[in-house]
Every structure is written in structure tokens, then in C-alpha cells.
Amino acid sequence: MSDASAPVVTLQRLPDHVALVTLNRPQARNAVNAALAAALEAIVDETERDPEIWAVVLTGAGDGVFCAGADLKEVAAGRAADLFTMRGGFAGFVYADRSKPWITAVNGKALAGGFEIVLACDLVVASENAAFGLPEVSRGLIAAAGGLYRLPRVLPRNLALELVMTGEALDATRAQHHGLVNRVVPSDQVVAQASALAQRITRNAPVAVRESLRVARSACDLDESAARVRTRESRDRVAMTEDYKEGPRAFVEKREPRWQGK
């Protein structure tokens, strides 16, 4: 039985500058209510402020479900607006300003707003029993937390439109085939493998990673001229860091770099 006093979102610091964030409402399939939205937004802020966190893994507690989306009991009670925050949007997350890499460890079904949370992240590690879907149309709703425009950016257009209009789910193997998922692993390894991917990222200079990610995230939104400007801005910021000097120095000295993140 779930402990009603347990936090609805938890933050755990792992080795190598990685944080593990867990949606912790397994009794409700990790569905988003007002408390979860507020807590997740606060944790996003904490990971952004903490200079020792360089990458974040996001997963759901329990077996079989990463996140079922909005808590429909809240929606039915007329409290749908409480599932959004002013800065982060749905779940306090999908529109949040995040500079660091976020990797979802999808340990089961990611549906509706749960799938939109996945689409707001940068990389996806999925269990073999994971599935992804936007079933809102089957409830007279629409996927209004970014899914309708983010999904066609990562899947072939016709497949994305099929999922949007039928509400059917995409299994993990097919999702990986079409580039939505980076890794498909056994369910008992999904968090470990996502953490290992995060740790592979944190072997690199953190400011360079963040600035590279900033440019790459905007690739679908900017024309060539604007993308060049953004790239120059990021290059100039990286060039002002100590890590910019440390990387070439470590190469010449034939040793591993000692990144400072500044």
C-alpha cells in the first residue's frame, strides 16, 4: 500500500553529476495532480540551480506505467487548471526552461500527458513493455501539452498523424525503429541504463553540453541565419569558460580532463 505522506516527486543524487527524479504516485499510475505539478516544477528549478547536477534522469515509480497523464479525477472535478503551472505548463514541466539534458527512463506506459512529458525530454530509454500514446481523442480531449506538434517532429508524419487521430499506442520496439526511443532494455534495467547514458554525457564538459543542446533543441524552429547566430552565441559563451582551456590542455598532456563546469 502506498504511503500517503510520501512525496509525490523525489530527487536522488547519483554518482557522476547525475540526478534521478521519480514521479511517485504509483497508486494513481503516476498521474499528474496539482501536488505533482508543483513538486516537479520545484525540482526542475532545483536541478537548474545546482552546479553539481549536469544531467537528469526522469522515471516513474512502480511497475508498468511511467505516467498515465492527467489525473482524470481532478479533471472531472473541474480542477484541470491546477495540473498546470505558470512557468512549466502541464505537470510543471513540458514548457519549463531547462538547460541541462533530461533523459526519460520509461518503465511502462507513457500515455496522454505522460507521453507529452517524454516528448519534452531530450533522450528516451524504454523498457521492453513500454508503450507511447496520445489517447485524448477517445475522451473528447486533445493533447494540449505539446504532443500534437512535438510528435510529428520525432516520428514520420503519417505515423504521427495516425497516433494522434486513432489514440492508439506505439510499442517500444517500433518507437525505437522510428527514432523516438534511444534504447530498449529489460524492464529491470531501464533506470540503470538511462543513468549510464546520463553518466556518459557527464564525462563531457557540462557548459559545452548545455550550449550544444541549446542549439540542437532549436534546430526545427530556426532558419539557417538564426541558427548561425545562436551557434555563435553559444560558441562565445563556451569560449569564456575554464573548461574551454582545460579540454585542449588535457589532450596535450594525455590525461582525462578535469571539468569544473565554469
C-alpha atoms as a PDB file:
ATOM      1  CA  MET A   1       0.000   0.000   0.000  1.00  0.00           C
ATOM      2  CA  SER A   2       1.245   3.469  -0.833  1.00  0.00           C
ATOM      3  CA  ASP A   3       2.291   5.860   1.943  1.00  0.00           C
ATOM      4  CA  ALA A   4       0.010   8.891   1.632  1.00  0.00           C
ATOM      5  CA  SER A   5       2.675  11.046   3.290  1.00  0.00           C
ATOM      6  CA  ALA A   6       5.358  10.148   0.745  1.00  0.00           C
ATOM      7  CA  PRO A   7       6.493  12.958  -1.591  1.00  0.00           C
ATOM      8  CA  VAL A   8       4.779  12.850  -4.980  1.00  0.00           C
ATOM      9  CA  VAL A   9       8.098  13.552  -6.742  1.00  0.00           C
ATOM     10  CA  THR A  10      11.526  12.608  -5.420  1.00  0.00           C
ATOM     11  CA  LEU A  11      15.051  13.741  -6.250  1.00  0.00           C
ATOM     12  CA  GLN A  12      18.061  11.479  -5.703  1.00  0.00           C
ATOM     13  CA  ARG A  13      21.656  12.442  -6.471  1.00  0.00           C
ATOM     14  CA  LEU A  14      23.602   9.701  -8.234  1.00  0.00           C
ATOM     15  CA  PRO A  15      27.349   9.483  -8.927  1.00  0.00           C
ATOM     16  CA  ASP A  16      28.982  11.450 -11.742  1.00  0.00           C
ATOM     17  CA  HIS A  17      26.793  14.559 -11.503  1.00  0.00           C
ATOM     18  CA  VAL A  18      23.538  12.736 -12.372  1.00  0.00           C
ATOM     19  CA  ALA A  19      20.185  13.270 -10.638  1.00  0.00           C
ATOM     20  CA  LEU A  20      17.302  10.782 -10.620  1.00  0.00           C
ATOM     21  CA  VAL A  21      13.811  12.303 -10.471  1.00  0.00           C
ATOM     22  CA  THR A  22      10.909   9.934  -9.821  1.00  0.00           C
ATOM     23  CA  LEU A  23       7.187  10.570 -10.265  1.00  0.00           C
ATOM     24  CA  ASN A  24       5.886   8.921  -7.100  1.00  0.00           C
ATOM     25  CA  ARG A  25       2.140   8.295  -7.323  1.00  0.00           C
ATOM     26  CA  PRO A  26       2.176   4.594  -8.255  1.00  0.00           C
ATOM     27  CA  GLN A  27      -1.284   4.067  -6.736  1.00  0.00           C
ATOM     28  CA  ALA A  28      -2.608   6.537  -9.352  1.00  0.00           C
ATOM     29  CA  ARG A  29      -0.379   5.327 -12.214  1.00  0.00           C
ATOM     30  CA  ASN A  30       1.786   8.406 -11.581  1.00  0.00           C
ATOM     31  CA  ALA A  31      -0.990  10.600 -12.952  1.00  0.00           C
ATOM     32  CA  VAL A  32      -0.470  14.336 -12.624  1.00  0.00           C
ATOM     33  CA  ASN A  33      -2.380  16.210  -9.939  1.00  0.00           C
ATOM     34  CA  ALA A  34      -1.757  19.695  -8.567  1.00  0.00           C
ATOM     35  CA  ALA A  35       0.720  18.496  -5.947  1.00  0.00           C
ATOM     36  CA  LEU A  36       2.800  16.609  -8.507  1.00  0.00           C
ATOM     37  CA  ALA A  37       2.859  19.577 -10.891  1.00  0.00           C
ATOM     38  CA  ALA A  38       4.040  21.946  -8.171  1.00  0.00           C
ATOM     39  CA  ALA A  39       6.625  19.473  -6.881  1.00  0.00           C
ATOM     40  CA  LEU A  40       8.041  18.676 -10.314  1.00  0.00           C
ATOM     41  CA  GLU A  41       8.391  22.365 -11.160  1.00  0.00           C
ATOM     42  CA  ALA A  42      10.248  22.916  -7.873  1.00  0.00           C
ATOM     43  CA  ILE A  43      12.595  20.029  -8.640  1.00  0.00           C
ATOM     44  CA  VAL A  44      13.286  21.356 -12.139  1.00  0.00           C
ATOM     45  CA  ASP A  45      14.262  24.646 -10.517  1.00  0.00           C
ATOM     46  CA  GLU A  46      16.486  22.817  -8.039  1.00  0.00           C
ATOM     47  CA  THR A  47      18.309  20.865 -10.748  1.00  0.00           C
ATOM     48  CA  GLU A  48      18.880  24.072 -12.700  1.00  0.00           C
ATOM     49  CA  ARG A  49      20.322  25.862  -9.667  1.00  0.00           C
ATOM     50  CA  ASP A  50      22.584  23.047  -8.501  1.00  0.00           C
ATOM     51  CA  PRO A  51      26.012  23.308 -10.202  1.00  0.00           C
ATOM     52  CA  GLU A  52      26.783  19.706  -9.238  1.00  0.00           C
ATOM     53  CA  ILE A  53      23.912  18.319 -11.337  1.00  0.00           C
ATOM     54  CA  TRP A  54      24.865  18.038 -15.007  1.00  0.00           C
ATOM     55  CA  ALA A  55      22.203  15.622 -16.312  1.00  0.00           C
ATOM     56  CA  VAL A  56      18.834  14.335 -15.077  1.00  0.00           C
ATOM     57  CA  VAL A  57      17.017  11.008 -15.428  1.00  0.00           C
ATOM     58  CA  LEU A  58      13.218  11.081 -15.068  1.00  0.00           C
ATOM     59  CA  THR A  59      11.235   7.921 -14.308  1.00  0.00           C
ATOM     60  CA  GLY A  60       8.004   6.745 -12.679  1.00  0.00           C
ATOM     61  CA  ALA A  61       7.548   4.691  -9.535  1.00  0.00           C
ATOM     62  CA  GLY A  62       6.032   1.224  -9.682  1.00  0.00           C
ATOM     63  CA  ASP A  63       5.763  -1.276 -12.491  1.00  0.00           C
ATOM     64  CA  GLY A  64       4.038  -0.988 -15.823  1.00  0.00           C
ATOM     65  CA  VAL A  65       3.314   2.753 -16.007  1.00  0.00           C
ATOM     66  CA  PHE A  66       5.651   5.701 -16.409  1.00  0.00           C
ATOM     67  CA  CYS A  67       2.824   8.240 -16.280  1.00  0.00           C
ATOM     68  CA  ALA A  68      -0.822   7.997 -17.301  1.00  0.00           C
ATOM     69  CA  GLY A  69      -1.093  11.742 -17.912  1.00  0.00           C
ATOM     70  CA  ALA A  70      -3.607  13.991 -16.200  1.00  0.00           C
ATOM     71  CA  ASP A  71      -5.426  12.664 -13.163  1.00  0.00           C
ATOM     72  CA  LEU A  72      -8.900  12.435 -14.697  1.00  0.00           C
ATOM     73  CA  LYS A  73     -10.491  12.591 -11.265  1.00  0.00           C
ATOM     74  CA  GLU A  74      -9.096  16.107 -10.991  1.00  0.00           C
ATOM     75  CA  VAL A  75     -10.281  16.970 -14.499  1.00  0.00           C
ATOM     76  CA  ALA A  76     -13.783  15.615 -13.793  1.00  0.00           C
ATOM     77  CA  ALA A  77     -13.919  17.685 -10.622  1.00  0.00           C
ATOM     78  CA  GLY A  78     -13.233  20.867 -12.592  1.00  0.00           C
ATOM     79  CA  ARG A  79      -9.662  21.245 -11.391  1.00  0.00           C
ATOM     80  CA  ALA A  80      -7.850  20.738 -14.704  1.00  0.00           C
ATOM     81  CA  ALA A  81      -6.163  24.142 -14.467  1.00  0.00           C
ATOM     82  CA  ASP A  82      -4.410  23.017 -11.282  1.00  0.00           C
ATOM     83  CA  LEU A  83      -2.383  20.484 -13.278  1.00  0.00           C
ATOM     84  CA  PHE A  84      -0.530  23.358 -14.967  1.00  0.00           C
ATOM     85  CA  THR A  85       1.923  25.877 -13.571  1.00  0.00           C
ATOM     86  CA  MET A  86       2.531  29.368 -14.878  1.00  0.00           C
ATOM     87  CA  ARG A  87       6.133  28.716 -15.964  1.00  0.00           C
ATOM     88  CA  GLY A  88       6.234  24.981 -16.607  1.00  0.00           C
ATOM     89  CA  GLY A  89       2.856  24.314 -18.163  1.00  0.00           C
ATOM     90  CA  PHE A  90       1.397  20.817 -17.751  1.00  0.00           C
ATOM     91  CA  ALA A  91       2.960  18.924 -14.815  1.00  0.00           C
ATOM     92  CA  GLY A  92       5.119  21.978 -14.175  1.00  0.00           C
ATOM     93  CA  PHE A  93       7.410  20.512 -16.815  1.00  0.00           C
ATOM     94  CA  VAL A  94       6.504  20.423 -20.513  1.00  0.00           C
ATOM     95  CA  TYR A  95       7.311  24.104 -21.139  1.00  0.00           C
ATOM     96  CA  ALA A  96       9.870  24.524 -18.359  1.00  0.00           C
ATOM     97  CA  ASP A  97      13.090  26.329 -19.210  1.00  0.00           C
ATOM     98  CA  ARG A  98      15.682  23.563 -18.757  1.00  0.00           C
ATOM     99  CA  SER A  99      19.295  23.981 -19.848  1.00  0.00           C
ATOM    100  CA  LYS A 100      20.514  20.548 -18.755  1.00  0.00           C
ATOM    101  CA  PRO A 101      19.918  17.206 -20.517  1.00  0.00           C
ATOM    102  CA  TRP A 102      16.875  15.230 -19.351  1.00  0.00           C
ATOM    103  CA  ILE A 103      16.579  11.517 -20.125  1.00  0.00           C
ATOM    104  CA  THR A 104      13.323   9.658 -19.552  1.00  0.00           C
ATOM    105  CA  ALA A 105      13.537   6.120 -18.195  1.00  0.00           C
ATOM    106  CA  VAL A 106      10.146   4.866 -19.373  1.00  0.00           C
ATOM    107  CA  ASN A 107       9.276   1.848 -17.267  1.00  0.00           C
ATOM    108  CA  GLY A 108       5.915   1.071 -18.872  1.00  0.00           C
ATOM    109  CA  LYS A 109       3.096   3.008 -20.478  1.00  0.00           C
ATOM    110  CA  ALA A 110       3.559   6.711 -21.196  1.00  0.00           C
ATOM    111  CA  LEU A 111       0.128   7.931 -22.199  1.00  0.00           C
ATOM    112  CA  ALA A 112      -1.545  11.269 -22.862  1.00  0.00           C
ATOM    113  CA  GLY A 113       0.218  13.907 -20.758  1.00  0.00           C
ATOM    114  CA  GLY A 114       2.694  11.240 -19.690  1.00  0.00           C
ATOM    115  CA  PHE A 115       3.781  10.886 -23.299  1.00  0.00           C
ATOM    116  CA  GLU A 116       3.928  14.664 -23.599  1.00  0.00           C
ATOM    117  CA  ILE A 117       6.352  14.715 -20.665  1.00  0.00           C
ATOM    118  CA  VAL A 118       8.513  12.204 -22.558  1.00  0.00           C
ATOM    119  CA  LEU A 119       8.378  14.354 -25.693  1.00  0.00           C
ATOM    120  CA  ALA A 120       9.567  17.352 -23.666  1.00  0.00           C
ATOM    121  CA  CYS A 121      12.754  15.489 -22.690  1.00  0.00           C
ATOM    122  CA  ASP A 122      15.903  15.021 -24.758  1.00  0.00           C
ATOM    123  CA  LEU A 123      16.538  11.257 -24.802  1.00  0.00           C
ATOM    124  CA  VAL A 124      14.440   8.164 -24.077  1.00  0.00           C
ATOM    125  CA  VAL A 125      15.388   4.799 -22.608  1.00  0.00           C
ATOM    126  CA  ALA A 126      12.391   2.459 -22.606  1.00  0.00           C
ATOM    127  CA  SER A 127      11.616  -0.913 -21.114  1.00  0.00           C
ATOM    128  CA  GLU A 128      10.577  -3.728 -23.425  1.00  0.00           C
ATOM    129  CA  ASN A 129       6.973  -3.378 -22.236  1.00  0.00           C
ATOM    130  CA  ALA A 130       6.824   0.397 -22.715  1.00  0.00           C
ATOM    131  CA  ALA A 131       4.197   1.983 -24.941  1.00  0.00           C
ATOM    132  CA  PHE A 132       3.544   5.545 -26.034  1.00  0.00           C
ATOM    133  CA  GLY A 133       0.226   7.097 -26.966  1.00  0.00           C
ATOM    134  CA  LEU A 134      -1.985  10.172 -27.097  1.00  0.00           C
ATOM    135  CA  PRO A 135      -5.472   8.755 -26.399  1.00  0.00           C
ATOM    136  CA  GLU A 136      -7.054  12.131 -25.632  1.00  0.00           C
ATOM    137  CA  VAL A 137      -9.435  11.987 -28.613  1.00  0.00           C
ATOM    138  CA  SER A 138     -11.061   8.882 -27.103  1.00  0.00           C
ATOM    139  CA  ARG A 139     -12.072  11.035 -24.104  1.00  0.00           C
ATOM    140  CA  GLY A 140     -13.237  14.055 -26.083  1.00  0.00           C
ATOM    141  CA  LEU A 141      -9.998  15.935 -25.345  1.00  0.00           C
ATOM    142  CA  ILE A 142      -6.888  16.963 -27.266  1.00  0.00           C
ATOM    143  CA  ALA A 143      -3.218  16.584 -26.374  1.00  0.00           C
ATOM    144  CA  ALA A 144      -2.689  20.231 -25.500  1.00  0.00           C
ATOM    145  CA  ALA A 145       0.660  19.990 -23.676  1.00  0.00           C
ATOM    146  CA  GLY A 146       2.927  19.966 -26.709  1.00  0.00           C
ATOM    147  CA  GLY A 147       2.275  16.478 -28.017  1.00  0.00           C
ATOM    148  CA  LEU A 148       0.399  17.491 -31.164  1.00  0.00           C
ATOM    149  CA  TYR A 149       3.359  19.414 -32.570  1.00  0.00           C
ATOM    150  CA  ARG A 150       6.284  17.632 -30.926  1.00  0.00           C
ATOM    151  CA  LEU A 151       5.239  14.161 -32.053  1.00  0.00           C
ATOM    152  CA  PRO A 152       5.413  14.937 -35.815  1.00  0.00           C
ATOM    153  CA  ARG A 153       8.935  16.298 -35.226  1.00  0.00           C
ATOM    154  CA  VAL A 154      10.234  12.946 -33.997  1.00  0.00           C
ATOM    155  CA  LEU A 155       8.133  10.450 -35.978  1.00  0.00           C
ATOM    156  CA  PRO A 156       7.305  10.188 -39.684  1.00  0.00           C
ATOM    157  CA  ARG A 157       4.380  12.495 -40.390  1.00  0.00           C
ATOM    158  CA  ASN A 158       1.802   9.883 -41.321  1.00  0.00           C
ATOM    159  CA  LEU A 159       2.622   7.673 -38.354  1.00  0.00           C
ATOM    160  CA  ALA A 160       2.369  10.661 -36.010  1.00  0.00           C
ATOM    161  CA  LEU A 161      -0.986  11.645 -37.502  1.00  0.00           C
ATOM    162  CA  GLU A 162      -2.256   8.081 -37.142  1.00  0.00           C
ATOM    163  CA  LEU A 163      -1.402   8.058 -33.448  1.00  0.00           C
ATOM    164  CA  VAL A 164      -2.971  11.493 -32.922  1.00  0.00           C
ATOM    165  CA  MET A 165      -6.257  10.606 -34.654  1.00  0.00           C
ATOM    166  CA  THR A 166      -6.731   6.979 -33.534  1.00  0.00           C
ATOM    167  CA  GLY A 167      -5.454   7.351 -29.990  1.00  0.00           C
ATOM    168  CA  GLU A 168      -3.643   4.027 -30.345  1.00  0.00           C
ATOM    169  CA  ALA A 169      -0.279   3.359 -28.715  1.00  0.00           C
ATOM    170  CA  LEU A 170       3.152   2.687 -30.203  1.00  0.00           C
ATOM    171  CA  ASP A 171       5.185  -0.136 -28.662  1.00  0.00           C
ATOM    172  CA  ALA A 172       8.804   0.358 -27.626  1.00  0.00           C
ATOM    173  CA  THR A 173      10.372  -1.659 -30.441  1.00  0.00           C
ATOM    174  CA  ARG A 174       8.556   0.252 -33.156  1.00  0.00           C
ATOM    175  CA  ALA A 175       9.229   3.535 -31.357  1.00  0.00           C
ATOM    176  CA  GLN A 176      12.948   2.771 -31.399  1.00  0.00           C
ATOM    177  CA  HIS A 177      12.802   1.806 -35.078  1.00  0.00           C
ATOM    178  CA  HIS A 178      11.406   5.237 -35.925  1.00  0.00           C
ATOM    179  CA  GLY A 179      13.862   7.151 -33.716  1.00  0.00           C
ATOM    180  CA  LEU A 180      11.603   8.118 -30.825  1.00  0.00           C
ATOM    181  CA  VAL A 181      13.478   5.856 -28.381  1.00  0.00           C
ATOM    182  CA  ASN A 182      17.261   5.664 -27.950  1.00  0.00           C
ATOM    183  CA  ARG A 183      17.449   2.325 -26.102  1.00  0.00           C
ATOM    184  CA  VAL A 184      15.062  -0.562 -25.430  1.00  0.00           C
ATOM    185  CA  VAL A 185      16.135  -2.617 -22.423  1.00  0.00           C
ATOM    186  CA  PRO A 186      14.672  -5.178 -19.990  1.00  0.00           C
ATOM    187  CA  SER A 187      12.297  -3.554 -17.528  1.00  0.00           C
ATOM    188  CA  ASP A 188      14.561  -4.169 -14.544  1.00  0.00           C
ATOM    189  CA  GLN A 189      17.402  -2.287 -16.256  1.00  0.00           C
ATOM    190  CA  VAL A 190      15.646   0.814 -17.541  1.00  0.00           C
ATOM    191  CA  VAL A 191      16.749   3.211 -14.784  1.00  0.00           C
ATOM    192  CA  ALA A 192      20.264   1.771 -14.685  1.00  0.00           C
ATOM    193  CA  GLN A 193      20.673   2.087 -18.451  1.00  0.00           C
ATOM    194  CA  ALA A 194      19.255   5.620 -18.508  1.00  0.00           C
ATOM    195  CA  SER A 195      21.626   6.555 -15.687  1.00  0.00           C
ATOM    196  CA  ALA A 196      24.554   5.043 -17.587  1.00  0.00           C
ATOM    197  CA  LEU A 197      23.613   7.135 -20.631  1.00  0.00           C
ATOM    198  CA  ALA A 198      23.466  10.229 -18.425  1.00  0.00           C
ATOM    199  CA  GLN A 199      26.877   9.391 -16.968  1.00  0.00           C
ATOM    200  CA  ARG A 200      28.274   9.043 -20.469  1.00  0.00           C
ATOM    201  CA  ILE A 201      27.063  12.589 -21.140  1.00  0.00           C
ATOM    202  CA  THR A 202      28.594  13.932 -17.931  1.00  0.00           C
ATOM    203  CA  ARG A 203      32.036  12.739 -18.981  1.00  0.00           C
ATOM    204  CA  ASN A 204      31.985  15.790 -21.227  1.00  0.00           C
ATOM    205  CA  ALA A 205      32.332  19.470 -20.370  1.00  0.00           C
ATOM    206  CA  PRO A 206      28.959  20.472 -18.868  1.00  0.00           C
ATOM    207  CA  VAL A 207      28.773  24.005 -20.269  1.00  0.00           C
ATOM    208  CA  ALA A 208      29.708  22.752 -23.743  1.00  0.00           C
ATOM    209  CA  VAL A 209      26.983  20.087 -23.456  1.00  0.00           C
ATOM    210  CA  ARG A 210      24.371  22.624 -22.374  1.00  0.00           C
ATOM    211  CA  GLU A 211      25.250  25.125 -25.088  1.00  0.00           C
ATOM    212  CA  SER A 212      25.351  22.413 -27.766  1.00  0.00           C
ATOM    213  CA  LEU A 213      21.971  21.174 -26.570  1.00  0.00           C
ATOM    214  CA  ARG A 214      20.586  24.709 -26.658  1.00  0.00           C
ATOM    215  CA  VAL A 215      21.396  24.987 -30.352  1.00  0.00           C
ATOM    216  CA  ALA A 216      20.319  21.449 -31.251  1.00  0.00           C
ATOM    217  CA  ARG A 217      16.952  21.787 -29.497  1.00  0.00           C
ATOM    218  CA  SER A 218      16.129  24.787 -31.680  1.00  0.00           C
ATOM    219  CA  ALA A 219      17.095  23.117 -34.965  1.00  0.00           C
ATOM    220  CA  CYS A 220      13.480  22.672 -36.086  1.00  0.00           C
ATOM    221  CA  ASP A 221      12.458  26.186 -35.099  1.00  0.00           C
ATOM    222  CA  LEU A 222      15.145  28.419 -36.593  1.00  0.00           C
ATOM    223  CA  ASP A 223      16.072  29.231 -40.153  1.00  0.00           C
ATOM    224  CA  GLU A 224      19.701  28.978 -41.262  1.00  0.00           C
ATOM    225  CA  SER A 225      20.572  32.558 -40.425  1.00  0.00           C
ATOM    226  CA  ALA A 226      19.057  32.454 -36.940  1.00  0.00           C
ATOM    227  CA  ALA A 227      20.683  29.085 -36.249  1.00  0.00           C
ATOM    228  CA  ARG A 228      24.097  30.525 -37.148  1.00  0.00           C
ATOM    229  CA  VAL A 229      23.551  33.410 -34.750  1.00  0.00           C
ATOM    230  CA  ARG A 230      22.553  31.091 -31.936  1.00  0.00           C
ATOM    231  CA  THR A 231      25.551  28.860 -32.617  1.00  0.00           C
ATOM    232  CA  ARG A 232      27.926  31.844 -32.468  1.00  0.00           C
ATOM    233  CA  GLU A 233      26.379  32.982 -29.194  1.00  0.00           C
ATOM    234  CA  SER A 234      26.839  29.554 -27.671  1.00  0.00           C
ATOM    235  CA  ARG A 235      30.376  29.261 -29.002  1.00  0.00           C
ATOM    236  CA  ASP A 236      31.276  32.613 -27.437  1.00  0.00           C
ATOM    237  CA  ARG A 237      29.857  31.587 -24.060  1.00  0.00           C
ATOM    238  CA  VAL A 238      31.785  28.310 -24.108  1.00  0.00           C
ATOM    239  CA  ALA A 239      34.984  30.146 -25.060  1.00  0.00           C
ATOM    240  CA  MET A 240      34.753  32.169 -21.836  1.00  0.00           C
ATOM    241  CA  THR A 241      34.879  29.072 -19.602  1.00  0.00           C
ATOM    242  CA  GLU A 242      37.773  27.423 -17.804  1.00  0.00           C
ATOM    243  CA  ASP A 243      36.703  24.119 -19.359  1.00  0.00           C
ATOM    244  CA  TYR A 244      37.409  25.579 -22.807  1.00  0.00           C
ATOM    245  CA  LYS A 245      41.057  25.799 -21.762  1.00  0.00           C
ATOM    246  CA  GLU A 246      41.083  22.517 -19.870  1.00  0.00           C
ATOM    247  CA  GLY A 247      39.939  20.310 -22.765  1.00  0.00           C
ATOM    248  CA  PRO A 248      42.854  21.027 -25.147  1.00  0.00           C
ATOM    249  CA  ARG A 249      45.299  21.083 -22.211  1.00  0.00           C
ATOM    250  CA  ALA A 250      44.214  17.604 -21.076  1.00  0.00           C
ATOM    251  CA  PHE A 251      44.504  16.305 -24.639  1.00  0.00           C
ATOM    252  CA  VAL A 252      48.075  17.595 -24.978  1.00  0.00           C
ATOM    253  CA  GLU A 253      49.009  16.201 -21.564  1.00  0.00           C
ATOM    254  CA  LYS A 254      47.409  12.820 -22.400  1.00  0.00           C
ATOM    255  CA  ARG A 255      45.119  12.714 -19.372  1.00  0.00           C
ATOM    256  CA  GLU A 256      41.425  12.831 -18.604  1.00  0.00           C
ATOM    257  CA  PRO A 257      40.052  16.400 -18.390  1.00  0.00           C
ATOM    258  CA  ARG A 258      39.028  17.761 -15.006  1.00  0.00           C
ATOM    259  CA  TRP A 259      35.849  19.688 -15.773  1.00  0.00           C
ATOM    260  CA  GLN A 260      34.778  22.490 -13.473  1.00  0.00           C
ATOM    261  CA  GLY A 261      31.523  23.389 -15.150  1.00  0.00           C
ATOM    262  CA  LYS A 262      32.541  27.009 -15.427  1.00  0.00           C
END
